Amino acid sequence: MTNAASLPGQPRGGVIGGPATDRAVCVLAPNPSAMTLDGTNTWIVAEPDSDLAVVIDPGPLDDSHLENVIATAERAGKRIGLTLLTHGHPDHAEGAARFAELTRTRVRALDPELRLGDEGLGQGDVITTGGLELRVVPTPGHTADSLSFHLPADAAVLTGDTVLGRGTTVVAHPDGRLGDYLDSLRRLRSLTVDDGVGTVLPGHGPVLNDARGAVEYYLAHRANRLAQVETAVESGHRAPSEVVAHVYADVDRSLWPAAELSVRAQLDYLREHGLI
């Protein structure tokens, strides 16, 4: 899902988890790995004076974590009124059905297979549970069903795996597509420029206090990787595994299988645009 490199965007220091903005609290799932960083960030989002909260990405199927999310909300005087998913990868969504059972809530997602209830999510949708305003922002690319959620009152955006608090995101070929991902990054950049979004609440890693800097770094990073892949192909490295060994030589080998997914997406993009 990510490589190990740090990125600009002023990562917030301290322990990951706990209050992040006036309306958003992170509960860190106990599933750390090279691919999930410190673990999955499960977000509880609510208006300060409301007794209803929305949970975004319950995370893995781990009852202790799911119960901790519920208990965290209850300690703040809130009950869970709705569950949302940024996308369907198991580290974000596997626990959703169990969480819905525990909280008696609906699950809303872009992918119909992940929903519990009649309502999905799509561009232009606004969630208003408990007076909260969350605007749905389609951000495909990491996966076809990836969404972000704009939280205007906190000038923040919850990005799932589209932008991480540390490292960079894998475009998960063949479901993920690089052209879509670049468009999604530009959409997020527009939120930082036109709507004043300054904070990224990511699906993994620390909160980022410079949303625009983080998104612009991602765009520059993708452009640089594309150029490297194009050069590698021109030098005779045709197979995706050969390109990975050439371009990602400085990346931990345990991440090469994930890097190969991104390389396949990059090769598709270059072919579609007649560049190789």
Protein backbone atom coordinates (compact mmCIF):
# COMPACT_ATOMS: atom_id res chain seq x y z
CA MET A 1 0.00 0.00 0.00
CA THR A 2 2.87 2.37 0.73
CA ASN A 3 6.60 2.64 0.50
CA ALA A 4 8.71 3.63 3.46
CA ALA A 5 9.78 7.10 2.33
CA SER A 6 8.63 10.11 4.33
CA LEU A 7 6.77 12.92 2.59
CA PRO A 8 6.21 16.67 3.02
CA GLY A 9 2.97 17.85 4.55
CA GLN A 10 4.08 18.55 8.14
CA PRO A 11 3.12 15.26 9.82
CA ARG A 12 1.73 15.91 13.28
CA GLY A 13 4.01 14.57 16.00
CA GLY A 14 3.08 12.48 18.99
CA VAL A 15 1.16 9.26 19.30
CA ILE A 16 -1.14 8.40 16.40
CA GLY A 17 -4.68 8.23 17.72
CA GLY A 18 -6.91 10.49 19.78
CA PRO A 19 -8.46 13.86 18.88
CA ALA A 20 -7.22 15.30 15.59
CA THR A 21 -9.63 18.19 14.98
CA ASP A 22 -12.66 19.61 16.78
CA ARG A 23 -14.83 16.94 15.15
CA ALA A 24 -12.53 14.01 14.36
CA VAL A 25 -11.02 11.42 16.71
CA CYS A 26 -8.75 8.60 15.56
CA VAL A 27 -8.84 5.10 17.06
CA LEU A 28 -5.78 3.20 15.85
CA ALA A 29 -6.40 -0.44 14.93
CA PRO A 30 -3.86 -3.00 16.21
CA ASN A 31 -2.81 -4.17 12.75
CA PRO A 32 0.61 -2.57 12.09
CA SER A 33 2.68 -3.85 9.17
CA ALA A 34 4.90 -2.65 6.36
CA MET A 35 1.74 -2.13 4.31
CA THR A 36 -0.50 -0.58 6.98
CA LEU A 37 2.16 1.52 8.74
CA ASP A 38 1.16 1.96 12.41
CA GLY A 39 -2.23 0.35 11.71
CA THR A 40 -5.54 1.44 10.24
CA ASN A 41 -6.91 4.79 11.38
CA THR A 42 -10.58 4.38 12.28
CA TRP A 43 -12.20 7.81 12.45
CA ILE A 44 -15.05 8.91 14.73
CA VAL A 45 -16.50 12.16 13.40
CA ALA A 46 -19.22 14.20 15.10
CA GLU A 47 -20.41 17.70 15.90
CA PRO A 48 -19.18 18.63 19.37
CA ASP A 49 -22.70 19.23 20.72
CA SER A 50 -24.32 16.19 19.07
CA ASP A 51 -24.95 12.79 20.63
CA LEU A 52 -24.60 11.06 17.22
CA ALA A 53 -21.32 10.15 15.55
CA VAL A 54 -20.22 8.76 12.18
CA VAL A 55 -17.49 6.13 11.97
CA ILE A 56 -15.29 5.98 8.87
CA ASP A 57 -13.44 2.71 8.18
CA PRO A 58 -14.09 0.38 11.16
CA GLY A 59 -10.95 -1.49 10.10
CA PRO A 60 -10.09 -5.19 10.43
CA LEU A 61 -12.36 -7.86 11.87
CA ASP A 62 -11.10 -7.53 15.43
CA ASP A 63 -13.76 -7.37 18.14
CA SER A 64 -11.44 -5.71 20.64
CA HIS A 65 -10.78 -2.86 18.21
CA LEU A 66 -14.44 -2.50 17.20
CA GLU A 67 -15.51 -2.45 20.84
CA ASN A 68 -12.80 0.13 21.57
CA VAL A 69 -14.23 2.37 18.84
CA ILE A 70 -17.70 2.14 20.38
CA ALA A 71 -16.34 2.76 23.88
CA THR A 72 -14.36 5.80 22.70
CA ALA A 73 -17.53 7.31 21.25
CA GLU A 74 -19.52 6.51 24.38
CA ARG A 75 -16.93 8.16 26.64
CA ALA A 76 -17.52 11.33 24.62
CA GLY A 77 -21.27 11.01 25.17
CA LYS A 78 -22.02 9.79 21.67
CA ARG A 79 -23.49 6.76 19.97
CA ILE A 80 -22.67 5.59 16.46
CA GLY A 81 -25.36 6.60 13.96
CA LEU A 82 -23.73 5.61 10.65
CA THR A 83 -20.74 3.71 9.25
CA LEU A 84 -18.91 4.83 6.09
CA LEU A 85 -16.16 3.17 4.04
CA THR A 86 -13.44 4.87 2.03
CA HIS A 87 -12.88 1.66 0.05
CA GLY A 88 -13.13 -2.09 0.33
CA HIS A 89 -9.64 -3.28 1.28
CA PRO A 90 -9.86 -5.61 4.30
CA ASP A 91 -7.73 -3.45 6.60
CA HIS A 92 -10.42 -0.77 6.26
CA ALA A 93 -13.62 -2.69 5.65
CA GLU A 94 -13.39 -6.27 6.87
CA GLY A 95 -14.86 -5.38 10.27
CA ALA A 96 -17.72 -3.29 8.85
CA ALA A 97 -20.44 -5.96 8.95
CA ARG A 98 -19.57 -6.93 12.52
CA PHE A 99 -19.38 -3.26 13.52
CA ALA A 100 -22.81 -2.66 12.00
CA GLU A 101 -24.13 -5.59 14.01
CA LEU A 102 -22.66 -4.19 17.23
CA THR A 103 -23.93 -0.64 16.61
CA ARG A 104 -27.11 -1.43 14.64
CA THR A 105 -26.06 1.01 11.95
CA ARG A 106 -26.14 1.05 8.19
CA VAL A 107 -22.93 0.82 6.18
CA ARG A 108 -22.64 3.17 3.24
CA ALA A 109 -19.97 2.66 0.55
CA LEU A 110 -19.49 3.16 -3.17
CA ASP A 111 -19.29 -0.61 -3.83
CA PRO A 112 -22.76 -2.19 -3.53
CA GLU A 113 -21.17 -5.39 -2.22
CA LEU A 114 -19.97 -3.53 0.88
CA ARG A 115 -23.22 -1.76 1.75
CA LEU A 116 -25.60 -2.74 4.52
CA GLY A 117 -28.78 -0.83 3.70
CA ASP A 118 -30.17 0.72 0.56
CA GLU A 119 -28.04 3.86 0.33
CA GLY A 120 -24.69 3.98 -1.38
CA LEU A 121 -22.30 6.88 -1.73
CA GLY A 122 -21.45 8.97 -4.76
CA GLN A 123 -20.30 12.34 -6.00
CA GLY A 124 -22.34 15.19 -4.61
CA ASP A 125 -23.66 13.26 -1.62
CA VAL A 126 -23.62 15.08 1.71
CA ILE A 127 -23.84 13.18 5.01
CA THR A 128 -25.68 15.13 7.72
CA THR A 129 -25.92 12.64 10.60
CA GLY A 130 -26.24 14.49 13.91
CA GLY A 131 -25.89 17.84 12.17
CA LEU A 132 -22.46 16.89 10.84
CA GLU A 133 -21.62 17.86 7.26
CA LEU A 134 -19.42 15.42 5.35
CA ARG A 135 -19.14 15.84 1.58
CA VAL A 136 -18.38 12.77 -0.52
CA VAL A 137 -15.39 13.23 -2.88
CA PRO A 138 -14.80 10.43 -5.41
CA THR A 139 -11.06 9.70 -5.46
CA PRO A 140 -10.57 6.51 -7.50
CA GLY A 141 -7.11 5.31 -8.40
CA HIS A 142 -5.74 3.42 -5.41
CA THR A 143 -8.85 1.29 -6.00
CA ALA A 144 -11.81 1.87 -8.27
CA ASP A 145 -14.12 2.38 -5.28
CA SER A 146 -11.94 4.83 -3.31
CA LEU A 147 -13.69 7.82 -1.74
CA SER A 148 -12.58 10.74 0.41
CA PHE A 149 -14.74 12.77 2.79
CA HIS A 150 -14.50 16.56 3.02
CA LEU A 151 -15.17 17.92 6.52
CA PRO A 152 -15.69 21.65 5.83
CA ALA A 153 -16.18 22.74 9.44
CA ASP A 154 -12.64 21.56 10.28
CA ALA A 155 -11.10 22.47 6.89
CA ALA A 156 -10.08 18.81 6.68
CA VAL A 157 -10.35 15.85 4.32
CA LEU A 158 -10.40 12.16 5.26
CA THR A 159 -8.49 10.45 2.46
CA GLY A 160 -8.45 6.72 3.22
CA ASP A 161 -5.47 5.37 1.26
CA THR A 162 -5.48 8.09 -1.41
CA VAL A 163 -3.07 10.22 0.64
CA LEU A 164 -1.23 8.69 3.60
CA GLY A 165 0.34 10.28 6.64
CA ARG A 166 3.69 8.70 5.73
CA GLY A 167 4.97 7.15 2.52
CA THR A 168 3.14 7.04 -0.81
CA THR A 169 0.18 5.06 -2.01
CA VAL A 170 0.17 2.02 -4.27
CA VAL A 171 -2.11 2.15 -7.30
CA ALA A 172 -3.48 -1.36 -6.89
CA HIS A 173 -3.46 -2.66 -10.51
CA PRO A 174 -5.66 -3.83 -12.16
CA ASP A 175 -8.47 -2.41 -10.02
CA GLY A 176 -6.62 0.85 -9.49
CA ARG A 177 -5.74 3.03 -12.49
CA LEU A 178 -3.03 5.68 -12.57
CA GLY A 179 -4.97 8.12 -14.77
CA ASP A 180 -7.84 8.03 -12.30
CA TYR A 181 -5.43 8.45 -9.40
CA LEU A 182 -3.81 11.54 -10.90
CA ASP A 183 -7.25 13.05 -11.50
CA SER A 184 -8.14 12.31 -7.86
CA LEU A 185 -5.01 14.04 -6.60
CA ARG A 186 -5.89 17.09 -8.71
CA ARG A 187 -9.40 17.00 -7.23
CA LEU A 188 -7.91 17.00 -3.74
CA ARG A 189 -5.56 19.83 -4.66
CA SER A 190 -8.60 21.84 -5.75
CA LEU A 191 -10.08 21.32 -2.28
CA THR A 192 -6.94 22.79 -0.74
CA VAL A 193 -6.91 25.77 -3.11
CA ASP A 194 -10.61 26.53 -3.57
CA ASP A 195 -12.16 25.25 -0.34
CA GLY A 196 -9.45 26.02 2.17
CA VAL A 197 -8.70 22.42 3.19
CA GLY A 198 -5.55 22.46 5.27
CA THR A 199 -5.55 19.13 7.13
CA VAL A 200 -5.36 15.54 5.86
CA LEU A 201 -6.87 12.85 8.08
CA PRO A 202 -5.38 9.75 6.43
CA GLY A 203 -6.27 6.08 6.57
CA HIS A 204 -2.77 5.27 7.87
CA GLY A 205 -0.06 7.30 9.53
CA PRO A 206 -0.07 10.69 11.25
CA VAL A 207 -2.32 13.64 10.52
CA LEU A 208 -0.85 16.05 7.95
CA ASN A 209 -1.07 19.77 8.69
CA ASP A 210 -0.19 20.93 5.16
CA ALA A 211 -2.73 19.30 2.86
CA ARG A 212 -1.68 21.24 -0.21
CA GLY A 213 2.00 20.46 0.30
CA ALA A 214 1.23 16.76 0.69
CA VAL A 215 -0.92 16.56 -2.43
CA GLU A 216 1.56 18.52 -4.52
CA TYR A 217 4.33 16.21 -3.35
CA TYR A 218 2.23 13.21 -4.42
CA LEU A 219 1.73 14.70 -7.87
CA ALA A 220 5.44 15.45 -8.24
CA HIS A 221 6.34 11.98 -6.98
CA ARG A 222 4.05 10.31 -9.54
CA ALA A 223 5.47 12.40 -12.37
CA ASN A 224 9.00 11.46 -11.32
CA ARG A 225 8.16 7.74 -11.06
CA LEU A 226 6.51 7.79 -14.47
CA ALA A 227 9.63 9.33 -15.99
CA GLN A 228 11.78 6.69 -14.28
CA VAL A 229 9.60 3.85 -15.56
CA GLU A 230 9.62 5.29 -19.08
CA THR A 231 13.43 5.52 -18.97
CA ALA A 232 13.69 1.97 -17.63
CA VAL A 233 11.60 0.63 -20.51
CA GLU A 234 13.66 2.57 -23.04
CA SER A 235 16.76 0.96 -21.48
CA GLY A 236 15.36 -2.51 -22.16
CA HIS A 237 13.65 -3.35 -18.85
CA ARG A 238 10.36 -4.62 -20.24
CA ALA A 239 8.91 -6.97 -17.63
CA PRO A 240 7.26 -5.31 -14.61
CA SER A 241 9.57 -7.18 -12.23
CA GLU A 242 12.61 -5.86 -14.13
CA VAL A 243 11.27 -2.31 -13.93
CA VAL A 244 10.71 -2.68 -10.18
CA ALA A 245 14.28 -3.88 -9.63
CA HIS A 246 15.59 -0.93 -11.63
CA VAL A 247 13.32 1.89 -10.38
CA TYR A 248 12.65 0.77 -6.80
CA ALA A 249 16.18 -0.39 -5.98
CA ASP A 250 16.24 1.92 -2.93
CA VAL A 251 12.95 0.56 -1.54
CA ASP A 252 12.77 -2.32 0.96
CA ARG A 253 12.42 -5.55 -1.03
CA SER A 254 9.47 -6.60 1.14
CA LEU A 255 7.53 -3.82 -0.61
CA TRP A 256 8.50 -4.84 -4.15
CA PRO A 257 5.34 -6.92 -4.74
CA ALA A 258 3.25 -3.84 -3.94
CA ALA A 259 5.56 -1.70 -6.05
CA GLU A 260 4.97 -4.07 -8.97
CA LEU A 261 1.24 -3.31 -8.80
CA SER A 262 2.03 0.38 -9.23
CA VAL A 263 4.52 -0.37 -12.02
CA ARG A 264 1.88 -2.33 -13.92
CA ALA A 265 -0.47 0.64 -13.56
CA GLN A 266 2.28 2.99 -14.73
CA LEU A 267 3.05 0.82 -17.76
CA ASP A 268 -0.64 0.75 -18.68
CA TYR A 269 -0.79 4.54 -18.37
CA LEU A 270 2.30 5.02 -20.55
CA ARG A 271 0.92 2.65 -23.22
CA GLU A 272 -2.50 4.35 -23.20
CA HIS A 273 -0.81 7.70 -23.80
CA GLY A 274 1.53 6.38 -26.51
CA LEU A 275 4.65 7.05 -24.48
CA ILE A 276 6.12 3.55 -24.71
